[in-house]
PDB file of all heavy atoms in Angstrom:
ATOM      1  N   MET A   1      65.282 126.115 128.440  1.00  0.00           N
ATOM      2  CA  MET A   1      66.635 126.567 128.160  1.00  0.00           C
ATOM      3  C   MET A   1      67.475 125.451 127.542  1.00  0.00           C
ATOM      4  O   MET A   1      68.293 125.698 126.659  1.00  0.00           O
ATOM      5  CB  MET A   1      67.320 127.054 129.442  1.00  0.00           C
ATOM      6  CG  MET A   1      66.805 128.392 129.917  1.00  0.00           C
ATOM      7  SD  MET A   1      67.248 129.682 128.750  1.00  0.00           S
ATOM      8  CE  MET A   1      65.676 130.379 128.397  1.00  0.00           C
ATOM      9  N   ARG A   2      67.279 124.211 127.982  1.00  0.00           N
ATOM     10  CA  ARG A   2      68.047 123.103 127.419  1.00  0.00           C
ATOM     11  C   ARG A   2      67.695 122.890 125.960  1.00  0.00           C
ATOM     12  O   ARG A   2      68.579 122.698 125.111  1.00  0.00           O
ATOM     13  CB  ARG A   2      67.773 121.822 128.208  1.00  0.00           C
ATOM     14  CG  ARG A   2      68.668 120.685 127.764  1.00  0.00           C
ATOM     15  CD  ARG A   2      68.503 119.430 128.592  1.00  0.00           C
ATOM     16  NE  ARG A   2      67.683 119.578 129.762  1.00  0.00           N
ATOM     17  CZ  ARG A   2      66.665 118.761 130.060  1.00  0.00           C
ATOM     18  NH1 ARG A   2      66.354 117.781 129.276  1.00  0.00           N
ATOM     19  NH2 ARG A   2      65.949 118.939 131.152  1.00  0.00           N
ATOM     20  N   THR A   3      66.396 122.955 125.619  1.00  0.00           N
ATOM     21  CA  THR A   3      66.011 122.782 124.217  1.00  0.00           C
ATOM     22  C   THR A   3      66.521 123.955 123.378  1.00  0.00           C
ATOM     23  O   THR A   3      66.926 123.754 122.240  1.00  0.00           O
ATOM     24  CB  THR A   3      64.488 122.658 124.075  1.00  0.00           C
ATOM     25  OG1 THR A   3      63.850 123.798 124.675  1.00  0.00           O
ATOM     26  CG2 THR A   3      63.984 121.389 124.703  1.00  0.00           C
ATOM     27  N   ARG A   4      66.548 125.154 123.937  1.00  0.00           N
ATOM     28  CA  ARG A   4      67.048 126.298 123.208  1.00  0.00           C
ATOM     29  C   ARG A   4      68.538 126.140 122.929  1.00  0.00           C
ATOM     30  O   ARG A   4      69.024 126.423 121.832  1.00  0.00           O
ATOM     31  CB  ARG A   4      66.788 127.581 123.988  1.00  0.00           C
ATOM     32  CG  ARG A   4      67.212 128.837 123.225  1.00  0.00           C
ATOM     33  CD  ARG A   4      66.937 130.086 123.991  1.00  0.00           C
ATOM     34  NE  ARG A   4      65.492 130.299 124.086  1.00  0.00           N
ATOM     35  CZ  ARG A   4      64.934 131.264 124.792  1.00  0.00           C
ATOM     36  NH1 ARG A   4      65.702 132.092 125.491  1.00  0.00           N
ATOM     37  NH2 ARG A   4      63.631 131.406 124.834  1.00  0.00           N
ATOM     38  N   ARG A   5      69.298 125.651 123.932  1.00  0.00           N
ATOM     39  CA  ARG A   5      70.733 125.441 123.734  1.00  0.00           C
ATOM     40  C   ARG A   5      70.985 124.333 122.719  1.00  0.00           C
ATOM     41  O   ARG A   5      71.930 124.403 121.930  1.00  0.00           O
ATOM     42  CB  ARG A   5      71.402 125.059 125.060  1.00  0.00           C
ATOM     43  CG  ARG A   5      71.706 126.222 125.954  1.00  0.00           C
ATOM     44  CD  ARG A   5      72.648 125.821 127.082  1.00  0.00           C
ATOM     45  NE  ARG A   5      72.218 124.626 127.794  1.00  0.00           N
ATOM     46  CZ  ARG A   5      71.508 124.626 128.908  1.00  0.00           C
ATOM     47  NH1 ARG A   5      71.132 125.747 129.448  1.00  0.00           N
ATOM     48  NH2 ARG A   5      71.171 123.490 129.493  1.00  0.00           N
ATOM     49  N   GLU A   6      70.166 123.294 122.717  1.00  0.00           N
ATOM     50  CA  GLU A   6      70.372 122.187 121.786  1.00  0.00           C
ATOM     51  C   GLU A   6      70.028 122.600 120.360  1.00  0.00           C
ATOM     52  O   GLU A   6      70.616 122.075 119.408  1.00  0.00           O
ATOM     53  CB  GLU A   6      69.530 120.986 122.197  1.00  0.00           C
ATOM     54  CG  GLU A   6      70.031 120.322 123.460  1.00  0.00           C
ATOM     55  CD  GLU A   6      69.102 119.239 123.962  1.00  0.00           C
ATOM     56  OE1 GLU A   6      68.029 119.041 123.350  1.00  0.00           O
ATOM     57  OE2 GLU A   6      69.453 118.578 124.964  1.00  0.00           O
ATOM     58  N   LEU A   7      69.109 123.530 120.197  1.00  0.00           N
ATOM     59  CA  LEU A   7      68.724 123.946 118.849  1.00  0.00           C
ATOM     60  C   LEU A   7      69.653 125.005 118.260  1.00  0.00           C
ATOM     61  O   LEU A   7      69.665 125.197 117.061  1.00  0.00           O
ATOM     62  CB  LEU A   7      67.287 124.472 118.851  1.00  0.00           C
ATOM     63  CG  LEU A   7      66.214 123.419 119.142  1.00  0.00           C
ATOM     64  CD1 LEU A   7      64.852 124.073 119.203  1.00  0.00           C
ATOM     65  CD2 LEU A   7      66.233 122.333 118.082  1.00  0.00           C
ATOM     66  N   GLU A   8      70.421 125.692 119.106  1.00  0.00           N
ATOM     67  CA  GLU A   8      71.338 126.703 118.597  1.00  0.00           C
ATOM     68  C   GLU A   8      72.488 126.042 117.865  1.00  0.00           C
ATOM     69  O   GLU A   8      72.920 124.944 118.250  1.00  0.00           O
ATOM     70  CB  GLU A   8      71.906 127.554 119.742  1.00  0.00           C
ATOM     71  CG  GLU A   8      70.922 128.508 120.343  1.00  0.00           C
ATOM     72  CD  GLU A   8      71.535 129.306 121.489  1.00  0.00           C
ATOM     73  OE1 GLU A   8      72.683 129.020 121.877  1.00  0.00           O
ATOM     74  OE2 GLU A   8      70.842 130.203 121.980  1.00  0.00           O
ATOM     75  N   PRO A   9      73.013 126.698 116.818  1.00  0.00           N
ATOM     76  CA  PRO A   9      74.183 126.126 116.126  1.00  0.00           C
ATOM     77  C   PRO A   9      75.388 126.159 117.047  1.00  0.00           C
ATOM     78  O   PRO A   9      75.568 127.062 117.863  1.00  0.00           O
ATOM     79  CB  PRO A   9      74.360 127.034 114.916  1.00  0.00           C
ATOM     80  CG  PRO A   9      73.679 128.298 115.267  1.00  0.00           C
ATOM     81  CD  PRO A   9      72.562 127.938 116.214  1.00  0.00           C
ATOM     82  N   LYS A  10      76.213 125.136 116.908  1.00  0.00           N
ATOM     83  CA  LYS A  10      77.405 125.040 117.741  1.00  0.00           C
ATOM     84  C   LYS A  10      78.459 126.031 117.250  1.00  0.00           C
ATOM     85  O   LYS A  10      78.798 126.062 116.069  1.00  0.00           O
ATOM     86  CB  LYS A  10      77.996 123.639 117.674  1.00  0.00           C
ATOM     87  CG  LYS A  10      77.032 122.560 118.059  1.00  0.00           C
ATOM     88  CD  LYS A  10      76.965 122.443 119.546  1.00  0.00           C
ATOM     89  CE  LYS A  10      76.128 121.223 119.880  1.00  0.00           C
ATOM     90  NZ  LYS A  10      75.405 121.306 121.064  1.00  0.00           N
ATOM     91  N   VAL A  11      78.945 126.881 118.127  1.00  0.00           N
ATOM     92  CA  VAL A  11      79.978 127.859 117.780  1.00  0.00           C
ATOM     93  C   VAL A  11      81.174 127.534 118.655  1.00  0.00           C
ATOM     94  O   VAL A  11      81.095 127.539 119.872  1.00  0.00           O
ATOM     95  CB  VAL A  11      79.498 129.310 118.060  1.00  0.00           C
ATOM     96  CG1 VAL A  11      80.610 130.284 117.768  1.00  0.00           C
ATOM     97  CG2 VAL A  11      78.260 129.607 117.242  1.00  0.00           C
ATOM     98  N   HIS A  12      82.303 127.235 118.004  1.00  0.00           N
ATOM     99  CA  HIS A  12      83.515 126.940 118.751  1.00  0.00           C
ATOM    100  C   HIS A  12      84.229 128.236 119.069  1.00  0.00           C
ATOM    101  O   HIS A  12      84.533 129.030 118.198  1.00  0.00           O
ATOM    102  CB  HIS A  12      84.438 126.037 117.921  1.00  0.00           C
ATOM    103  CG  HIS A  12      83.829 124.700 117.653  1.00  0.00           C
ATOM    104  ND1 HIS A  12      83.677 123.756 118.639  1.00  0.00           N
ATOM    105  CD2 HIS A  12      83.300 124.152 116.525  1.00  0.00           C
ATOM    106  CE1 HIS A  12      83.099 122.691 118.126  1.00  0.00           C
ATOM    107  NE2 HIS A  12      82.848 122.909 116.858  1.00  0.00           N
ATOM    108  N   LYS A  13      84.475 128.431 120.330  1.00  0.00           N
ATOM    109  CA  LYS A  13      85.144 129.642 120.761  1.00  0.00           C
ATOM    110  C   LYS A  13      86.650 129.442 120.617  1.00  0.00           C
ATOM    111  O   LYS A  13      87.169 128.365 120.888  1.00  0.00           O
ATOM    112  CB  LYS A  13      84.819 129.950 122.219  1.00  0.00           C
ATOM    113  CG  LYS A  13      83.363 130.246 122.457  1.00  0.00           C
ATOM    114  CD  LYS A  13      83.111 130.512 123.920  1.00  0.00           C
ATOM    115  CE  LYS A  13      81.642 130.753 124.170  1.00  0.00           C
ATOM    116  NZ  LYS A  13      81.357 130.901 125.589  1.00  0.00           N
ATOM    117  N   PRO A  14      87.380 130.491 120.198  1.00  0.00           N
ATOM    118  CA  PRO A  14      88.837 130.355 120.134  1.00  0.00           C
ATOM    119  C   PRO A  14      89.404 130.210 121.534  1.00  0.00           C
ATOM    120  O   PRO A  14      88.880 130.792 122.483  1.00  0.00           O
ATOM    121  CB  PRO A  14      89.307 131.639 119.459  1.00  0.00           C
ATOM    122  CG  PRO A  14      88.198 132.600 119.674  1.00  0.00           C
ATOM    123  CD  PRO A  14      86.927 131.783 119.754  1.00  0.00           C
ATOM    124  N   VAL A  15      90.484 129.450 121.638  1.00  0.00           N
ATOM    125  CA  VAL A  15      91.096 129.234 122.927  1.00  0.00           C
ATOM    126  C   VAL A  15      91.797 130.514 123.348  1.00  0.00           C
ATOM    127  O   VAL A  15      92.661 131.026 122.646  1.00  0.00           O
ATOM    128  CB  VAL A  15      92.085 128.054 122.864  1.00  0.00           C
ATOM    129  CG1 VAL A  15      92.769 127.861 124.209  1.00  0.00           C
ATOM    130  CG2 VAL A  15      91.375 126.803 122.417  1.00  0.00           C
ATOM    131  N   SER A  16      91.413 131.036 124.474  1.00  0.00           N
ATOM    132  CA  SER A  16      92.052 132.257 124.965  1.00  0.00           C
ATOM    133  C   SER A  16      93.276 131.877 125.769  1.00  0.00           C
ATOM    134  O   SER A  16      93.318 130.844 126.422  1.00  0.00           O
ATOM    135  CB  SER A  16      91.067 133.058 125.802  1.00  0.00           C
ATOM    136  OG  SER A  16      90.692 132.295 126.932  1.00  0.00           O
ATOM    137  N   PRO A  17      94.297 132.720 125.775  1.00  0.00           N
ATOM    138  CA  PRO A  17      95.489 132.408 126.558  1.00  0.00           C
ATOM    139  C   PRO A  17      95.156 132.431 128.045  1.00  0.00           C
ATOM    140  O   PRO A  17      94.235 133.108 128.480  1.00  0.00           O
ATOM    141  CB  PRO A  17      96.475 133.524 126.194  1.00  0.00           C
ATOM    142  CG  PRO A  17      95.632 134.624 125.672  1.00  0.00           C
ATOM    143  CD  PRO A  17      94.413 133.979 125.069  1.00  0.00           C
ATOM    144  N   SER A  18      95.943 131.681 128.792  1.00  0.00           N
ATOM    145  CA  SER A  18      95.704 131.637 130.230  1.00  0.00           C
ATOM    146  C   SER A  18      96.108 132.973 130.839  1.00  0.00           C
ATOM    147  O   SER A  18      96.332 133.945 130.136  1.00  0.00           O
ATOM    148  CB  SER A  18      96.463 130.481 130.843  1.00  0.00           C
ATOM    149  OG  SER A  18      97.831 130.627 130.563  1.00  0.00           O
ATOM    150  N   ALA A  19      96.280 132.975 132.134  1.00  0.00           N
ATOM    151  CA  ALA A  19      96.547 134.235 132.839  1.00  0.00           C
ATOM    152  C   ALA A  19      97.705 134.971 132.208  1.00  0.00           C
ATOM    153  O   ALA A  19      98.746 134.387 131.918  1.00  0.00           O
ATOM    154  CB  ALA A  19      96.869 133.925 134.291  1.00  0.00           C
ATOM    155  N   PRO A  20      97.568 136.271 131.976  1.00  0.00           N
ATOM    156  CA  PRO A  20      98.645 137.031 131.317  1.00  0.00           C
ATOM    157  C   PRO A  20      99.877 137.098 132.209  1.00  0.00           C
ATOM    158  O   PRO A  20      99.779 137.282 133.411  1.00  0.00           O
ATOM    159  CB  PRO A  20      98.041 138.409 131.081  1.00  0.00           C
ATOM    160  CG  PRO A  20      96.874 138.485 132.000  1.00  0.00           C
ATOM    161  CD  PRO A  20      96.423 137.089 132.261  1.00  0.00           C
ATOM    162  N   GLY A  21     101.034 136.916 131.565  1.00  0.00           N
ATOM    163  CA  GLY A  21     102.294 136.990 132.300  1.00  0.00           C
ATOM    164  C   GLY A  21     102.740 138.433 132.474  1.00  0.00           C
ATOM    165  O   GLY A  21     102.111 139.365 131.990  1.00  0.00           O
ATOM    166  N   PRO A  22     103.902 138.630 133.118  1.00  0.00           N
ATOM    167  CA  PRO A  22     104.363 140.000 133.361  1.00  0.00           C
ATOM    168  C   PRO A  22     104.805 140.703 132.075  1.00  0.00           C
ATOM    169  O   PRO A  22     104.687 141.907 131.961  1.00  0.00           O
ATOM    170  CB  PRO A  22     105.540 139.820 134.327  1.00  0.00           C
ATOM    171  CG  PRO A  22     105.946 138.398 134.190  1.00  0.00           C
ATOM    172  CD  PRO A  22     104.727 137.638 133.759  1.00  0.00           C
ATOM    173  N   ASN A  23     105.290 139.953 131.054  1.00  0.00           N
ATOM    174  CA  ASN A  23     105.718 140.598 129.815  1.00  0.00           C
ATOM    175  C   ASN A  23     104.788 140.232 128.663  1.00  0.00           C
ATOM    176  O   ASN A  23     105.208 140.118 127.544  1.00  0.00           O
ATOM    177  CB  ASN A  23     107.176 140.240 129.507  1.00  0.00           C
ATOM    178  CG  ASN A  23     107.355 138.720 129.482  1.00  0.00           C
ATOM    179  OD1 ASN A  23     106.408 137.993 129.695  1.00  0.00           O
ATOM    180  ND2 ASN A  23     108.581 138.276 129.237  1.00  0.00           N
ATOM    181  N   ASN A  24     103.538 140.062 128.946  1.00  0.00           N
ATOM    182  CA  ASN A  24     102.546 139.734 127.919  1.00  0.00           C
ATOM    183  C   ASN A  24     101.802 140.988 127.527  1.00  0.00           C
ATOM    184  O   ASN A  24     101.133 141.614 128.346  1.00  0.00           O
ATOM    185  CB  ASN A  24     101.579 138.675 128.457  1.00  0.00           C
ATOM    186  CG  ASN A  24     100.657 138.148 127.379  1.00  0.00           C
ATOM    187  OD1 ASN A  24     100.804 138.503 126.201  1.00  0.00           O
ATOM    188  ND2 ASN A  24      99.717 137.319 127.765  1.00  0.00           N
ATOM    189  N   ASN A  25     101.934 141.423 126.272  1.00  0.00           N
ATOM    190  CA  ASN A  25     101.231 142.607 125.792  1.00  0.00           C
ATOM    191  C   ASN A  25     100.045 142.174 124.943  1.00  0.00           C
ATOM    192  O   ASN A  25     100.031 141.082 124.395  1.00  0.00           O
ATOM    193  CB  ASN A  25     102.165 143.483 124.948  1.00  0.00           C
ATOM    194  CG  ASN A  25     103.279 144.059 125.796  1.00  0.00           C
ATOM    195  OD1 ASN A  25     103.143 144.184 127.011  1.00  0.00           O
ATOM    196  ND2 ASN A  25     104.404 144.395 125.163  1.00  0.00           N
ATOM    197  N   SER A  26      99.079 143.033 124.809  1.00  0.00           N
ATOM    198  CA  SER A  26      97.902 142.690 124.019  1.00  0.00           C
ATOM    199  C   SER A  26      98.226 142.614 122.530  1.00  0.00           C
ATOM    200  O   SER A  26      97.512 142.000 121.756  1.00  0.00           O
ATOM    201  CB  SER A  26      96.780 143.690 124.278  1.00  0.00           C
ATOM    202  OG  SER A  26      97.227 144.986 123.899  1.00  0.00           O
ATOM    203  N   SER A  27      99.349 143.234 122.084  1.00  0.00           N
ATOM    204  CA  SER A  27      99.698 143.218 120.674  1.00  0.00           C
ATOM    205  C   SER A  27     100.419 141.928 120.287  1.00  0.00           C
ATOM    206  O   SER A  27     100.546 141.627 119.112  1.00  0.00           O
ATOM    207  CB  SER A  27     100.577 144.425 120.340  1.00  0.00           C
ATOM    208  OG  SER A  27     101.785 144.337 121.063  1.00  0.00           O
ATOM    209  N   GLN A  28     100.916 141.167 121.270  1.00  0.00           N
ATOM    210  CA  GLN A  28     101.607 139.934 120.970  1.00  0.00           C
ATOM    211  C   GLN A  28     100.618 138.821 120.651  1.00  0.00           C
ATOM    212  O   GLN A  28      99.519 138.787 121.196  1.00  0.00           O
ATOM    213  CB  GLN A  28     102.466 139.485 122.152  1.00  0.00           C
ATOM    214  CG  GLN A  28     103.641 140.361 122.433  1.00  0.00           C
ATOM    215  CD  GLN A  28     104.428 139.844 123.628  1.00  0.00           C
ATOM    216  OE1 GLN A  28     103.890 139.083 124.416  1.00  0.00           O
ATOM    217  NE2 GLN A  28     105.662 140.283 123.739  1.00  0.00           N
ATOM    218  N   GLN A  29     101.038 137.914 119.765  1.00  0.00           N
ATOM    219  CA  GLN A  29     100.220 136.757 119.461  1.00  0.00           C
ATOM    220  C   GLN A  29     100.434 135.719 120.553  1.00  0.00           C
ATOM    221  O   GLN A  29     101.528 135.578 121.079  1.00  0.00           O
ATOM    222  CB  GLN A  29     100.621 136.170 118.097  1.00  0.00           C
ATOM    223  CG  GLN A  29     100.332 137.075 116.922  1.00  0.00           C
ATOM    224  CD  GLN A  29      98.833 137.184 116.679  1.00  0.00           C
ATOM    225  OE1 GLN A  29      98.087 136.297 117.023  1.00  0.00           O
ATOM    226  NE2 GLN A  29      98.422 138.282 116.098  1.00  0.00           N
ATOM    227  N   PRO A  30      99.391 134.981 120.910  1.00  0.00           N
ATOM    228  CA  PRO A  30      99.591 133.925 121.914  1.00  0.00           C
ATOM    229  C   PRO A  30     100.496 132.843 121.362  1.00  0.00           C
ATOM    230  O   PRO A  30     100.474 132.563 120.161  1.00  0.00           O
ATOM    231  CB  PRO A  30      98.180 133.411 122.184  1.00  0.00           C
ATOM    232  CG  PRO A  30      97.374 133.861 121.029  1.00  0.00           C
ATOM    233  CD  PRO A  30      98.022 135.092 120.483  1.00  0.00           C
ATOM    234  N   ALA A  31     101.307 132.245 122.186  1.00  0.00           N
ATOM    235  CA  ALA A  31     102.235 131.203 121.773  1.00  0.00           C
ATOM    236  C   ALA A  31     101.462 129.967 121.357  1.00  0.00           C
ATOM    237  O   ALA A  31     100.483 129.590 121.985  1.00  0.00           O
ATOM    238  CB  ALA A  31     103.185 130.889 122.898  1.00  0.00           C
ATOM    239  N   THR A  32     101.897 129.345 120.244  1.00  0.00           N
ATOM    240  CA  THR A  32     101.251 128.121 119.794  1.00  0.00           C
ATOM    241  C   THR A  32     102.190 126.966 120.068  1.00  0.00           C
ATOM    242  O   THR A  32     103.408 127.075 119.966  1.00  0.00           O
ATOM    243  CB  THR A  32     100.948 128.187 118.288  1.00  0.00           C
ATOM    244  OG1 THR A  32     102.164 128.418 117.586  1.00  0.00           O
ATOM    245  CG2 THR A  32      99.958 129.295 117.990  1.00  0.00           C
ATOM    246  N   VAL A  33     101.613 125.851 120.422  1.00  0.00           N
ATOM    247  CA  VAL A  33     102.373 124.657 120.730  1.00  0.00           C
ATOM    248  C   VAL A  33     101.966 123.585 119.724  1.00  0.00           C
ATOM    249  O   VAL A  33     100.786 123.321 119.548  1.00  0.00           O
ATOM    250  CB  VAL A  33     102.093 124.171 122.159  1.00  0.00           C
ATOM    251  CG1 VAL A  33     102.866 122.903 122.454  1.00  0.00           C
ATOM    252  CG2 VAL A  33     102.438 125.264 123.147  1.00  0.00           C
ATOM    253  N   THR A  34     102.959 123.012 119.070  1.00  0.00           N
ATOM    254  CA  THR A  34     102.691 121.966 118.102  1.00  0.00           C
ATOM    255  C   THR A  34     103.267 120.655 118.627  1.00  0.00           C
ATOM    256  O   THR A  34     104.434 120.596 119.006  1.00  0.00           O
ATOM    257  CB  THR A  34     103.338 122.295 116.745  1.00  0.00           C
ATOM    258  OG1 THR A  34     102.892 123.579 116.334  1.00  0.00           O
ATOM    259  CG2 THR A  34     102.982 121.260 115.700  1.00  0.00           C
ATOM    260  N   PHE A  35     102.433 119.643 118.661  1.00  0.00           N
ATOM    261  CA  PHE A  35     102.868 118.339 119.121  1.00  0.00           C
ATOM    262  C   PHE A  35     103.147 117.472 117.910  1.00  0.00           C
ATOM    263  O   PHE A  35     102.334 117.376 116.998  1.00  0.00           O
ATOM    264  CB  PHE A  35     101.793 117.677 119.992  1.00  0.00           C
ATOM    265  CG  PHE A  35     101.589 118.387 121.293  1.00  0.00           C
ATOM    266  CD1 PHE A  35     100.521 119.250 121.479  1.00  0.00           C
ATOM    267  CD2 PHE A  35     102.474 118.184 122.344  1.00  0.00           C
ATOM    268  CE1 PHE A  35     100.344 119.892 122.682  1.00  0.00           C
ATOM    269  CE2 PHE A  35     102.291 118.830 123.545  1.00  0.00           C
ATOM    270  CZ  PHE A  35     101.227 119.686 123.729  1.00  0.00           C
ATOM    271  N   THR A  36     104.313 116.834 117.897  1.00  0.00           N
ATOM    272  CA  THR A  36     104.650 115.910 116.818  1.00  0.00           C
ATOM    273  C   THR A  36     104.746 114.521 117.398  1.00  0.00           C
ATOM    274  O   THR A  36     105.276 114.328 118.514  1.00  0.00           O
ATOM    275  CB  THR A  36     105.988 116.296 116.167  1.00  0.00           C
ATOM    276  OG1 THR A  36     106.990 116.323 117.172  1.00  0.00           O
ATOM    277  CG2 THR A  36     105.901 117.645 115.492  1.00  0.00           C
ATOM    278  N   PRO A  37     104.231 113.525 116.685  1.00  0.00           N
ATOM    279  CA  PRO A  37     104.297 112.163 117.222  1.00  0.00           C
ATOM    280  C   PRO A  37     105.735 111.666 117.261  1.00  0.00           C
ATOM    281  O   PRO A  37     106.548 111.978 116.392  1.00  0.00           O
ATOM    282  CB  PRO A  37     103.447 111.355 116.251  1.00  0.00           C
ATOM    283  CG  PRO A  37     103.364 112.174 115.024  1.00  0.00           C
ATOM    284  CD  PRO A  37     103.542 113.599 115.416  1.00  0.00           C
ATOM    285  N   VAL A  38     106.057 110.951 118.275  1.00  0.00           N
ATOM    286  CA  VAL A  38     107.407 110.421 118.468  1.00  0.00           C
ATOM    287  C   VAL A  38     107.329 108.919 118.300  1.00  0.00           C
ATOM    288  O   VAL A  38     106.435 108.260 118.835  1.00  0.00           O
ATOM    289  CB  VAL A  38     107.945 110.787 119.864  1.00  0.00           C
ATOM    290  CG1 VAL A  38     109.313 110.185 120.080  1.00  0.00           C
ATOM    291  CG2 VAL A  38     107.960 112.293 120.024  1.00  0.00           C
ATOM    292  N   ASP A  39     108.289 108.377 117.569  1.00  0.00           N
ATOM    293  CA  ASP A  39     108.312 106.942 117.352  1.00  0.00           C
ATOM    294  C   ASP A  39     108.986 106.305 118.557  1.00  0.00           C
ATOM    295  O   ASP A  39     110.198 106.434 118.773  1.00  0.00           O
ATOM    296  CB  ASP A  39     109.080 106.638 116.064  1.00  0.00           C
ATOM    297  CG  ASP A  39     108.910 105.211 115.635  1.00  0.00           C
ATOM    298  OD1 ASP A  39     107.982 104.559 116.150  1.00  0.00           O
ATOM    299  OD2 ASP A  39     109.680 104.769 114.777  1.00  0.00           O
ATOM    300  N   VAL A  40     108.203 105.625 119.364  1.00  0.00           N
ATOM    301  CA  VAL A  40     108.716 105.029 120.583  1.00  0.00           C
ATOM    302  C   VAL A  40     108.643 103.520 120.428  1.00  0.00           C
ATOM    303  O   VAL A  40     107.587 102.969 120.095  1.00  0.00           O
ATOM    304  CB  VAL A  40     107.894 105.480 121.812  1.00  0.00           C
ATOM    305  CG1 VAL A  40     108.404 104.788 123.063  1.00  0.00           C
ATOM    306  CG2 VAL A  40     107.954 106.984 121.954  1.00  0.00           C
ATOM    307  N   HIS A  41     109.762 102.851 120.645  1.00  0.00           N
ATOM    308  CA  HIS A  41     109.802 101.390 120.577  1.00  0.00           C
ATOM    309  C   HIS A  41     110.004 100.837 121.963  1.00  0.00           C
ATOM    310  O   HIS A  41     110.916 101.238 122.676  1.00  0.00           O
ATOM    311  CB  HIS A  41     110.959 100.923 119.670  1.00  0.00           C
ATOM    312  CG  HIS A  41     110.774 101.349 118.241  1.00  0.00           C
ATOM    313  ND1 HIS A  41     109.875 100.757 117.420  1.00  0.00           N
ATOM    314  CD2 HIS A  41     111.378 102.333 117.509  1.00  0.00           C
ATOM    315  CE1 HIS A  41     109.925 101.327 116.217  1.00  0.00           C
ATOM    316  NE2 HIS A  41     110.842 102.306 116.256  1.00  0.00           N
ATOM    317  N   MET A  42     109.111  99.945 122.338  1.00  0.00           N
ATOM    318  CA  MET A  42     109.230  99.285 123.628  1.00  0.00           C
ATOM    319  C   MET A  42     109.994  97.986 123.420  1.00  0.00           C
ATOM    320  O   MET A  42     109.715  97.242 122.494  1.00  0.00           O
ATOM    321  CB  MET A  42     107.858  98.999 124.212  1.00  0.00           C
ATOM    322  CG  MET A  42     107.030 100.236 124.469  1.00  0.00           C
ATOM    323  SD  MET A  42     107.667 101.208 125.818  1.00  0.00           S
ATOM    324  CE  MET A  42     107.330 100.143 127.168  1.00  0.00           C
ATOM    325  N   GLU A  43     110.941  97.710 124.275  1.00  0.00           N
ATOM    326  CA  GLU A  43     111.684  96.465 124.225  1.00  0.00           C
ATOM    327  C   GLU A  43     110.901  95.364 124.926  1.00  0.00           C
ATOM    328  O   GLU A  43     110.317  95.590 125.981  1.00  0.00           O
ATOM    329  CB  GLU A  43     113.056  96.610 124.867  1.00  0.00           C
ATOM    330  CG  GLU A  43     113.980  97.516 124.126  1.00  0.00           C
ATOM    331  CD  GLU A  43     115.342  97.572 124.781  1.00  0.00           C
ATOM    332  OE1 GLU A  43     115.654  96.668 125.593  1.00  0.00           O
ATOM    333  OE2 GLU A  43     116.076  98.510 124.488  1.00  0.00           O
TER     334      GLU A  43
END
């Protein structure tokens, strides 16, 4: 089984949303979070 898994092509699964909230419908798109680098200066 290990050799079979190593020989299979790697398929990245899309990240599924965590537990559905009370107002989460299947027609809504999952929320995306974008991180932007912040310029932090240490004194």
